[in-house]
Amino acid sequence: MAKKVARDPCAPKRNMSAYLLYQNAMREQFRALNPGMTFGQLAKYTSAMYAEMPPAEKEAWVARAEADKQRYLNELATYVPPPGYDAKGDAIITSTGQETARTTSRRGKSAKDRNAPKRNMSAYLLYQNAMRDQFKRENPGMTFGQLAKYTSHMYKNLTPEEKASWDARAAQDKARYNAEISTYVPPPGHDARGNMIEDNRPRKRSKRGPKDPAAPKRASGAYVFFTNEMRPIVMSEFPGIKFVEMGRILGERWRALTPLEKKRFEEIANQDKVRFQMEMQQYTANQAQQNAATQALDVGSAHEAAVAAATGGVAALPVSAAAMTAAQAHQYQHYPDPNAAAYGAHGGYDQHIYHQYHGT
């Protein structure tokens, strides 16, 4: 296995695509929702959720990716690489194949500087953290999901004055974070927010071919149907809510559903799965028919070319008898056949084509 190229820990962190930003933001939530999933299954689930995302939400992630790209270009413009590293912070490899900088070891889990400023929280999260213990005492029999749903309901029913006080706390917490981050000096190997810098060079992936527009749409899971129904409700309850925070609320409400409530979405998902399987069978059959027809045309063209060569340059047969006019079929019937012994004394091959054209 080829060694990883070393990277300057102080080099600007590379920008990420819209999908990678979404994946990093939602990973923990999806892992909590699906504790039994393997790493590969979780990756497929995340991909399905991203594919089912409404265009408006996807555009927001694309905008974040563009902002991250601009951030990277701005930081790279002022970056001065140390000796042995190129303009992007990668170790320079000599003509002998050796690196002028030390090769990094396999990276572990990303660590955060314990002295870095604590991230600010939204008004809802401040309210949730402040009221959690009180709501637990008042409702000792509630599960975690039911408690989250109850907290969301209580926040929704706050008076405008009470909500304004929590908004003011959130604004104060944001000002605190901005003030602290402006004076924060990260230690070596950490970025401007205190996160340990990782060598996350993306793997080279083969480009996918264009998707067949005739292919059936893949089946969606029960949680996807739940989010499609619940998302407009959450957006009406919390206008201007952030996407990550919306994901948390959707996850909490999904976990708070009773088995009977979940069953409705599971039945919809099962119906969609049956729909996909039936459409996929029909699609596969159509593809097989098209492939067989293409192969038949290829074989026919090769045989006709061989016949034309055997006649000493006489024009080849049309690709299919159905494409010939009656006059052409009649004219072809009288072509000299050098292989008459093989087809019959009277040009049985030509006669066969003629009869086939007329359906006799």
Foldseek 3Di string as FASTA:
>chain_A
DDFDWDFFLAFFAAFDALLVVQCVLCVVLLCVLPVPDDPVRSVVQSVVLLVLDDPVVSVVSRVVSVVSNVVNVVRLVPDDEDPQADSRGTGDADPVRHTPDDGDDDDDDKDFDPPFDDDADALLVVQCVVCVVVLCVVCVPDDQLRSLVVSLVVLLPDDPVVSVVSRVVRVVRNVVNVVRLVPDDEDRQADSRGMGDDPCDDDDDDDDDDDDPLQDDAFDALLSVQCVVCVVVVCVSPPPDDPSVSSVSSSSNVVRDDPVVSVVSRVVSVVSNVVNVVSNVVVVVVVVVVVVVVVLLVVQVVVQVVQCVVLPNDDGDPSALLVDDLVVLVVQQPRDGPVCVVCHVRPNVSVVSNCVNVVD
